[in-house]
């Protein structure tokens, strides 16, 4: 539960200060009243930025969202449902989050706003879907669909991670072996290379490069490692900003082989969520706003929002949406036909299913190419070190022969 720091005045007119752990601000005020204290200033004690937060796994979040939907569908009031979930949640971090959401809802905050204050836990997709469900009176269905979306996303992520384990292992092994060769073994040949340089009048270029790299890492290896660590921390901070996320999403679409996968995945999410919202009676402009926020790519989201501004009463969606240039032409053709047939919601979900199937095939191709690519990189690195070590010896033997 959160902690609150307070300044209060006693009946004798003295000011006192302290810290109290309470489920909500209302409960804190009740506790102070029981002690005959009149609160003057109450502030929730913020968690230190250096405090480690327990990461909430997607499976745990999916289970709780599905349970919340079941409780609401069976007539349990929202506050009581949140109380039950926070009490029985096995994950301590998520239990605290659910408890805070319950307290905010009890104070009159809408559910989507309360969840939005814990965006790192629920994500933009869940918050957007809950907002749409609350406004469209289909909250239970929105929670279930969100759980399904997150589960599909986790399955895809697990599939990719599982397939990339071996290539990542090869890449790590190649870097470690190359670093050990350069830092540990190359200096042992320094005297031999010095003699060969005097006798032969010089060393081959690969050997010179290898000796320079070995000397640099030997002297400044610790500083290089520290600089890399600082760079990683700085990049992670940049990535949390809105501008940094936009930059990352823009470059994700340009990565060879992987870029089309990210693009299709974002378009699929947009089509599926837009179709779901339209099926539940959410107006088109509101559906576009919510589905753009849930696309998972800020470049596509911004293009959709710009297109939505051109959608007016009586104007079709396909025209302004095609102008953004980020929706594939076959998809736009199907959307145009669906608008004329008045079955846009069904067609959008079908489009998402088709894109997901193509994306799965693209992922298989990328994963199959990653393994030989890592083997090639590993072979080139180690081969370069070995050639640089042996080339002076071969040149000397040739001269002696």
Protein backbone atom coordinates (compact mmCIF):
# COMPACT_ATOMS: atom_id res chain seq x y z
CA UNK A 1 0.00 0.00 0.00
CA UNK A 2 1.15 3.59 -0.61
CA UNK A 3 2.69 5.71 2.12
CA UNK A 4 1.58 9.27 2.86
CA UNK A 5 3.47 12.04 4.61
CA UNK A 6 1.26 14.51 6.44
CA UNK A 7 1.31 17.66 8.48
CA UNK A 8 -1.61 17.98 10.91
CA UNK A 9 -2.71 20.16 13.82
CA UNK A 10 -3.77 18.83 17.19
CA UNK A 11 -6.66 20.10 19.31
CA UNK A 12 -4.10 22.01 21.35
CA UNK A 13 -3.00 23.92 18.23
CA UNK A 14 0.36 22.15 17.77
CA UNK A 15 1.57 21.05 14.33
CA UNK A 16 2.76 17.48 13.99
CA UNK A 17 4.18 15.59 11.01
CA UNK A 18 4.50 11.92 10.24
CA UNK A 19 4.11 9.07 7.76
CA UNK A 20 1.16 6.66 7.52
CA UNK A 21 0.60 3.65 5.29
CA UNK A 22 -2.97 3.62 4.00
CA UNK A 23 -4.90 2.10 1.12
CA UNK A 24 -6.11 5.51 -0.06
CA UNK A 25 -6.10 9.17 0.82
CA UNK A 26 -9.63 8.81 2.17
CA UNK A 27 -8.51 6.09 4.55
CA UNK A 28 -5.61 8.28 5.67
CA UNK A 29 -7.95 11.18 6.49
CA UNK A 30 -10.16 8.81 8.48
CA UNK A 31 -7.13 7.57 10.44
CA UNK A 32 -6.08 11.15 11.26
CA UNK A 33 -9.62 11.99 12.37
CA UNK A 34 -9.58 9.05 14.77
CA UNK A 35 -6.44 10.54 16.35
CA UNK A 36 -8.12 13.96 16.67
CA UNK A 37 -5.74 15.47 14.11
CA UNK A 38 -6.75 18.12 11.59
CA UNK A 39 -4.81 17.56 8.33
CA UNK A 40 -3.03 20.60 6.89
CA UNK A 41 -0.95 19.00 4.15
CA UNK A 42 -1.03 15.43 2.81
CA UNK A 43 1.25 14.10 0.06
CA UNK A 44 1.69 10.57 -1.22
CA UNK A 45 5.26 9.43 -0.68
CA UNK A 46 6.76 8.70 -4.06
CA UNK A 47 8.86 5.63 -4.64
CA UNK A 48 12.56 6.29 -5.11
CA UNK A 49 13.60 6.20 -8.78
CA UNK A 50 16.35 3.75 -7.79
CA UNK A 51 13.86 1.29 -6.33
CA UNK A 52 13.61 -1.84 -8.44
CA UNK A 53 10.11 -2.63 -9.63
CA UNK A 54 8.98 -6.19 -10.10
CA UNK A 55 8.13 -6.75 -13.75
CA UNK A 56 4.62 -7.99 -14.40
CA UNK A 57 4.62 -10.84 -16.90
CA UNK A 58 2.10 -10.76 -19.71
CA UNK A 59 0.58 -14.08 -18.66
CA UNK A 60 -0.23 -12.76 -15.18
CA UNK A 61 -1.77 -9.59 -16.63
CA UNK A 62 -3.82 -11.59 -19.16
CA UNK A 63 -5.17 -13.84 -16.41
CA UNK A 64 -6.26 -10.89 -14.25
CA UNK A 65 -7.90 -9.03 -17.13
CA UNK A 66 -9.86 -12.17 -18.07
CA UNK A 67 -10.92 -12.68 -14.44
CA UNK A 68 -12.04 -9.05 -14.19
CA UNK A 69 -14.14 -9.51 -17.33
CA UNK A 70 -15.72 -12.69 -15.89
CA UNK A 71 -16.54 -10.98 -12.58
CA UNK A 72 -18.15 -8.01 -14.29
CA UNK A 73 -20.09 -10.24 -16.68
CA UNK A 74 -21.52 -12.15 -13.74
CA UNK A 75 -22.83 -8.99 -12.08
CA UNK A 76 -20.05 -8.24 -9.60
CA UNK A 77 -19.64 -4.45 -9.13
CA UNK A 78 -16.40 -2.96 -10.43
CA UNK A 79 -15.06 -1.89 -7.03
CA UNK A 80 -15.72 -5.29 -5.51
CA UNK A 81 -14.18 -7.04 -8.52
CA UNK A 82 -11.01 -4.97 -8.23
CA UNK A 83 -10.89 -5.68 -4.49
CA UNK A 84 -11.13 -9.43 -5.10
CA UNK A 85 -8.43 -9.38 -7.77
CA UNK A 86 -6.00 -7.28 -5.71
CA UNK A 87 -6.50 -9.58 -2.71
CA UNK A 88 -5.94 -12.85 -4.54
CA UNK A 89 -3.31 -11.74 -7.09
CA UNK A 90 -0.15 -13.86 -6.61
CA UNK A 91 2.10 -11.14 -8.03
CA UNK A 92 2.90 -8.59 -5.32
CA UNK A 93 3.63 -5.76 -7.78
CA UNK A 94 0.42 -6.25 -9.76
CA UNK A 95 -1.55 -6.59 -6.50
CA UNK A 96 -0.33 -3.14 -5.44
CA UNK A 97 -1.23 -1.72 -8.86
CA UNK A 98 -4.74 -3.22 -8.75
CA UNK A 99 -5.19 -1.88 -5.23
CA UNK A 100 -4.21 1.61 -6.39
CA UNK A 101 -6.57 1.35 -9.38
CA UNK A 102 -9.40 0.34 -7.02
CA UNK A 103 -8.68 3.29 -4.73
CA UNK A 104 -8.72 5.73 -7.65
CA UNK A 105 -11.98 4.29 -8.98
CA UNK A 106 -13.47 4.58 -5.49
CA UNK A 107 -12.59 8.28 -5.52
CA UNK A 108 -14.44 8.77 -8.83
CA UNK A 109 -11.62 8.32 -11.36
CA UNK A 110 -12.67 6.46 -14.53
CA UNK A 111 -11.17 2.99 -14.87
CA UNK A 112 -9.17 3.80 -18.01
CA UNK A 113 -7.60 6.89 -16.36
CA UNK A 114 -6.71 4.88 -13.27
CA UNK A 115 -5.09 2.19 -15.43
CA UNK A 116 -3.36 4.88 -17.52
CA UNK A 117 -1.38 5.96 -14.46
CA UNK A 118 0.25 2.51 -14.58
CA UNK A 119 0.94 2.46 -18.31
CA UNK A 120 4.15 0.47 -17.81
CA UNK A 121 2.02 -2.40 -16.46
CA UNK A 122 -1.14 -2.35 -18.58
CA UNK A 123 0.19 -0.86 -21.81
CA UNK A 124 -1.44 1.49 -24.29
CA UNK A 125 -3.55 -1.27 -25.86
CA UNK A 126 -5.33 -2.23 -22.64
CA UNK A 127 -5.94 1.38 -21.60
CA UNK A 128 -7.33 2.30 -25.03
CA UNK A 129 -9.61 -0.74 -25.16
CA UNK A 130 -10.92 -0.11 -21.63
CA UNK A 131 -11.62 3.51 -22.57
CA UNK A 132 -13.57 2.37 -25.61
CA UNK A 133 -15.42 -0.30 -23.61
CA UNK A 134 -16.38 2.18 -20.92
CA UNK A 135 -17.69 4.71 -23.41
CA UNK A 136 -19.44 2.12 -25.58
CA UNK A 137 -20.94 0.06 -22.73
CA UNK A 138 -19.06 -3.12 -23.65
CA UNK A 139 -16.38 -3.10 -20.96
CA UNK A 140 -16.53 -6.87 -20.32
CA UNK A 141 -16.07 -7.66 -24.00
CA UNK A 142 -13.27 -5.09 -24.27
CA UNK A 143 -11.40 -6.69 -21.37
CA UNK A 144 -11.76 -10.17 -22.87
CA UNK A 145 -10.58 -9.02 -26.29
CA UNK A 146 -7.66 -7.20 -24.70
CA UNK A 147 -6.66 -10.38 -22.89
CA UNK A 148 -6.88 -12.28 -26.20
CA UNK A 149 -4.78 -9.66 -28.00
CA UNK A 150 -2.12 -9.68 -25.29
CA UNK A 151 -2.04 -13.48 -25.27
CA UNK A 152 -1.56 -13.61 -29.05
CA UNK A 153 1.16 -10.98 -28.78
CA UNK A 154 2.91 -12.97 -26.05
CA UNK A 155 2.74 -16.17 -28.10
CA UNK A 156 4.32 -14.40 -31.06
CA UNK A 157 7.00 -12.87 -28.86
CA UNK A 158 7.77 -16.22 -27.22
CA UNK A 159 8.00 -17.86 -30.63
CA UNK A 160 10.47 -15.26 -31.90
CA UNK A 161 12.51 -15.30 -28.69
CA UNK A 162 12.69 -19.09 -28.73
CA UNK A 163 13.83 -19.13 -32.34
CA UNK A 164 16.44 -16.41 -31.73
CA UNK A 165 18.08 -18.08 -28.75
CA UNK A 166 20.59 -20.05 -30.85
CA UNK A 167 21.56 -17.14 -33.15
CA UNK A 168 21.96 -14.87 -30.12
CA UNK A 169 24.12 -17.54 -28.46
CA UNK A 170 26.31 -17.76 -31.56
CA UNK A 171 26.69 -13.97 -31.69
CA UNK A 172 27.61 -13.76 -28.01
CA UNK A 173 30.03 -16.66 -28.32
CA UNK A 174 31.69 -15.05 -31.33
CA UNK A 175 32.18 -11.74 -29.52
CA UNK A 176 33.58 -13.46 -26.41
CA UNK A 177 36.00 -15.65 -28.36
CA UNK A 178 37.21 -12.74 -30.48
CA UNK A 179 37.71 -10.52 -27.43
CA UNK A 180 39.65 -13.24 -25.59
CA UNK A 181 41.87 -13.83 -28.60
CA UNK A 182 42.62 -10.13 -29.01
CA UNK A 183 43.13 -9.29 -25.33
CA UNK A 184 44.79 -12.50 -24.04
CA UNK A 185 46.55 -14.31 -26.88
CA UNK A 186 47.65 -11.55 -29.26
CA UNK A 187 49.95 -9.80 -26.70
CA UNK A 188 51.88 -13.07 -26.33
CA UNK A 189 52.93 -12.77 -29.98
CA UNK A 190 54.05 -9.14 -29.64
CA UNK A 191 57.79 -9.98 -29.33
CA UNK A 192 57.63 -12.42 -32.23
CA UNK A 193 55.90 -9.84 -34.40
CA UNK A 194 58.51 -7.22 -33.41
CA UNK A 195 61.33 -9.49 -34.56
CA UNK A 196 59.50 -10.37 -37.76
CA UNK A 197 58.89 -6.69 -38.43
CA UNK A 198 62.63 -5.98 -38.11
CA UNK A 199 63.62 -8.90 -40.30
CA UNK A 200 60.93 -8.44 -42.95
CA UNK A 201 60.79 -4.66 -42.87
CA UNK A 202 57.11 -4.48 -41.94
CA UNK A 203 53.97 -6.39 -41.05
CA UNK A 204 50.87 -7.13 -43.12
CA UNK A 205 47.98 -4.69 -42.73
CA UNK A 206 45.64 -7.21 -40.96
CA UNK A 207 48.35 -7.86 -38.36
CA UNK A 208 48.90 -4.14 -37.79
CA UNK A 209 45.15 -3.66 -37.30
CA UNK A 210 44.99 -6.61 -34.90
CA UNK A 211 47.94 -5.38 -32.83
CA UNK A 212 46.43 -1.89 -32.66
CA UNK A 213 43.08 -3.28 -31.49
CA UNK A 214 44.80 -5.48 -28.91
CA UNK A 215 46.87 -2.59 -27.54
CA UNK A 216 43.82 -0.29 -27.42
CA UNK A 217 41.64 -2.82 -25.58
CA UNK A 218 44.48 -3.68 -23.21
CA UNK A 219 44.89 -0.05 -22.21
CA UNK A 220 41.36 1.28 -22.44
CA UNK A 221 39.18 -1.84 -22.27
CA UNK A 222 37.67 -0.88 -18.91
CA UNK A 223 36.91 2.63 -20.13
CA UNK A 224 35.32 1.24 -23.30
CA UNK A 225 33.12 -1.09 -21.24
CA UNK A 226 32.11 1.79 -18.97
CA UNK A 227 31.34 4.01 -21.97
CA UNK A 228 29.18 1.29 -23.50
CA UNK A 229 27.29 0.89 -20.22
CA UNK A 230 26.70 4.66 -19.99
CA UNK A 231 25.58 4.72 -23.63
CA UNK A 232 23.10 1.91 -23.02
CA UNK A 233 21.63 3.73 -19.99
CA UNK A 234 21.40 6.97 -21.96
CA UNK A 235 19.71 5.28 -24.91
CA UNK A 236 17.19 3.62 -22.59
CA UNK A 237 16.33 7.01 -21.12
CA UNK A 238 15.94 8.48 -24.59
CA UNK A 239 13.78 5.51 -25.61
CA UNK A 240 11.34 6.30 -22.78
CA UNK A 241 10.68 9.79 -24.10
CA UNK A 242 8.00 10.44 -26.69
CA UNK A 243 10.50 11.80 -29.19
CA UNK A 244 12.80 8.83 -28.68
CA UNK A 245 9.97 6.34 -29.16
CA UNK A 246 8.94 8.07 -32.38
CA UNK A 247 12.53 7.89 -33.66
CA UNK A 248 12.81 4.19 -32.74
CA UNK A 249 9.48 3.34 -34.39
CA UNK A 250 10.53 5.18 -37.54
CA UNK A 251 13.80 3.22 -37.79
CA UNK A 252 12.11 -0.08 -36.96
CA UNK A 253 10.21 0.23 -40.23
CA UNK A 254 13.48 0.67 -42.16
CA UNK A 255 15.36 -2.36 -40.83
CA UNK A 256 16.09 -4.81 -43.66
CA UNK A 257 13.99 -8.00 -43.44
CA UNK A 258 12.64 -7.13 -39.97
CA UNK A 259 11.12 -3.79 -41.04
CA UNK A 260 8.25 -5.35 -43.04
CA UNK A 261 7.48 -7.60 -40.07
CA UNK A 262 7.13 -4.61 -37.72
CA UNK A 263 5.08 -2.77 -40.34
CA UNK A 264 2.64 -5.63 -40.95
CA UNK A 265 2.30 -6.27 -37.22
CA UNK A 266 1.31 -2.62 -36.59
CA UNK A 267 -1.18 -2.62 -39.50
CA UNK A 268 -2.68 -5.88 -38.24
CA UNK A 269 -3.22 -4.49 -34.75
CA UNK A 270 -4.78 -1.33 -36.16
CA UNK A 271 -7.20 -3.26 -38.41
CA UNK A 272 -8.18 -5.76 -35.72
CA UNK A 273 -8.87 -3.16 -33.04
CA UNK A 274 -10.65 -0.81 -35.45
CA UNK A 275 -12.87 -3.67 -36.63
CA UNK A 276 -13.62 -4.70 -33.04
CA UNK A 277 -14.59 -1.15 -32.04
CA UNK A 278 -16.78 -0.63 -35.09
CA UNK A 279 -18.51 -3.97 -34.45
CA UNK A 280 -19.40 -2.78 -30.96
CA UNK A 281 -20.96 0.45 -32.22
CA UNK A 282 -18.15 2.90 -31.44
CA UNK A 283 -18.27 5.91 -33.84
CA UNK A 284 -15.70 5.93 -36.64
CA UNK A 285 -13.72 8.97 -35.49
CA UNK A 286 -13.50 7.68 -31.92
CA UNK A 287 -12.55 4.23 -33.20
CA UNK A 288 -9.77 5.73 -35.30
CA UNK A 289 -8.43 7.63 -32.30
CA UNK A 290 -8.35 4.55 -30.08
CA UNK A 291 -7.05 2.12 -32.71
CA UNK A 292 -4.26 4.51 -33.74
CA UNK A 293 -3.04 4.68 -30.14
CA UNK A 294 -3.10 0.87 -29.98
CA UNK A 295 -1.19 0.23 -33.23
CA UNK A 296 2.11 -0.14 -31.38
CA UNK A 297 3.97 2.15 -33.81
CA UNK A 298 3.91 5.91 -33.39
CA UNK A 299 4.68 6.65 -37.04
CA UNK A 300 1.62 4.72 -38.17
CA UNK A 301 -0.44 6.15 -35.30
CA UNK A 302 0.41 9.73 -36.30
CA UNK A 303 -0.44 9.01 -39.94
CA UNK A 304 -3.81 7.55 -38.92
CA UNK A 305 -4.62 10.54 -36.72
CA UNK A 306 -3.74 12.92 -39.55
CA UNK A 307 -6.02 10.92 -41.85
CA UNK A 308 -8.82 10.96 -39.29
CA UNK A 309 -8.82 14.75 -39.34
CA UNK A 310 -9.86 14.59 -43.01
CA UNK A 311 -12.70 12.17 -42.34
CA UNK A 312 -15.88 14.20 -42.07
CA UNK A 313 -19.54 13.33 -42.01
CA UNK A 314 -20.46 11.34 -45.10
CA UNK A 315 -16.85 10.92 -46.28
CA UNK A 316 -15.39 7.43 -46.54
CA UNK A 317 -12.34 6.24 -44.62
CA UNK A 318 -10.40 4.74 -47.52
CA UNK A 319 -9.60 8.06 -49.22
CA UNK A 320 -7.79 9.91 -46.40
CA UNK A 321 -6.28 6.67 -45.05
CA UNK A 322 -4.74 5.79 -48.42
CA UNK A 323 -3.09 9.21 -48.52
CA UNK A 324 -0.83 8.41 -45.57
CA UNK A 325 1.03 5.83 -47.67
CA UNK A 326 1.65 3.42 -44.79
CA UNK A 327 -1.29 1.10 -45.40
CA UNK A 328 -0.56 -1.48 -48.14
CA UNK A 329 -2.56 -0.97 -51.36
CA UNK A 330 -4.24 -4.43 -51.24
CA UNK A 331 -5.48 -3.62 -47.74
CA UNK A 332 -6.80 -0.24 -48.88
CA UNK A 333 -8.59 -1.92 -51.80
CA UNK A 334 -10.37 -4.31 -49.43
CA UNK A 335 -11.30 -1.45 -47.08
CA UNK A 336 -12.74 0.52 -50.01
CA UNK A 337 -14.87 -2.44 -51.14
CA UNK A 338 -15.96 -3.16 -47.54
CA UNK A 339 -17.17 0.43 -47.09
CA UNK A 340 -19.36 0.10 -50.14
CA UNK A 341 -20.71 -3.27 -48.93
CA UNK A 342 -21.26 -1.90 -45.39
CA UNK A 343 -19.31 -4.72 -43.71
CA UNK A 344 -16.15 -2.85 -42.78
CA UNK A 345 -15.91 -4.34 -39.27
CA UNK A 346 -15.89 -7.94 -40.52
CA UNK A 347 -13.46 -7.22 -43.35
CA UNK A 348 -11.01 -5.44 -41.02
CA UNK A 349 -10.81 -8.47 -38.73
CA UNK A 350 -10.34 -10.72 -41.77
CA UNK A 351 -7.55 -8.44 -43.03
CA UNK A 352 -5.84 -8.70 -39.65
CA UNK A 353 -6.03 -12.51 -39.76
CA UNK A 354 -4.48 -12.56 -43.23
CA UNK A 355 -1.69 -10.18 -42.27
CA UNK A 356 -0.93 -12.26 -39.18
CA UNK A 357 -0.51 -15.37 -41.32
CA UNK A 358 1.85 -13.56 -43.70
CA UNK A 359 3.75 -12.07 -40.77
CA UNK A 360 4.25 -15.53 -39.29
CA UNK A 361 5.81 -16.69 -42.57
CA UNK A 362 8.03 -13.59 -42.70
CA UNK A 363 9.21 -14.23 -39.16
CA UNK A 364 10.14 -17.80 -40.09
CA UNK A 365 12.22 -16.49 -43.00
CA UNK A 366 13.98 -13.88 -40.84
CA UNK A 367 14.75 -16.43 -38.15
CA UNK A 368 16.09 -18.97 -40.64
CA UNK A 369 18.38 -16.33 -42.13
CA UNK A 370 19.58 -15.10 -38.73
CA UNK A 371 21.34 -18.35 -37.86
CA UNK A 372 23.63 -18.57 -40.93
CA UNK A 373 24.21 -14.80 -40.69
CA UNK A 374 25.49 -15.18 -37.12
CA UNK A 375 27.65 -18.12 -38.17
CA UNK A 376 29.08 -16.03 -41.00
CA UNK A 377 29.86 -13.08 -38.72
CA UNK A 378 31.40 -15.38 -36.13
CA UNK A 379 33.54 -17.09 -38.78
CA UNK A 380 34.69 -13.76 -40.25
CA UNK A 381 35.75 -12.38 -36.85
CA UNK A 382 37.64 -15.45 -35.74
CA UNK A 383 39.07 -16.00 -39.21
CA UNK A 384 40.39 -12.44 -39.32
CA UNK A 385 42.21 -12.93 -36.01
CA UNK A 386 43.76 -16.22 -37.11
CA UNK A 387 44.81 -14.86 -40.52
CA UNK A 388 46.33 -11.76 -38.90
CA UNK A 389 48.31 -13.99 -36.52
CA UNK A 390 49.59 -16.45 -39.13
CA UNK A 391 50.17 -14.16 -42.10
CA UNK A 392 53.50 -12.70 -40.84
CA UNK A 393 54.78 -16.23 -40.18
CA UNK A 394 53.86 -17.36 -43.70
CA UNK A 395 55.50 -14.26 -45.21
CA UNK A 396 58.69 -14.93 -43.27
CA UNK A 397 58.76 -18.58 -44.31
CA UNK A 398 58.26 -17.53 -47.93
CA UNK A 399 61.15 -15.11 -47.74
CA UNK A 400 63.40 -17.71 -46.14
CA UNK A 401 62.42 -20.25 -48.79
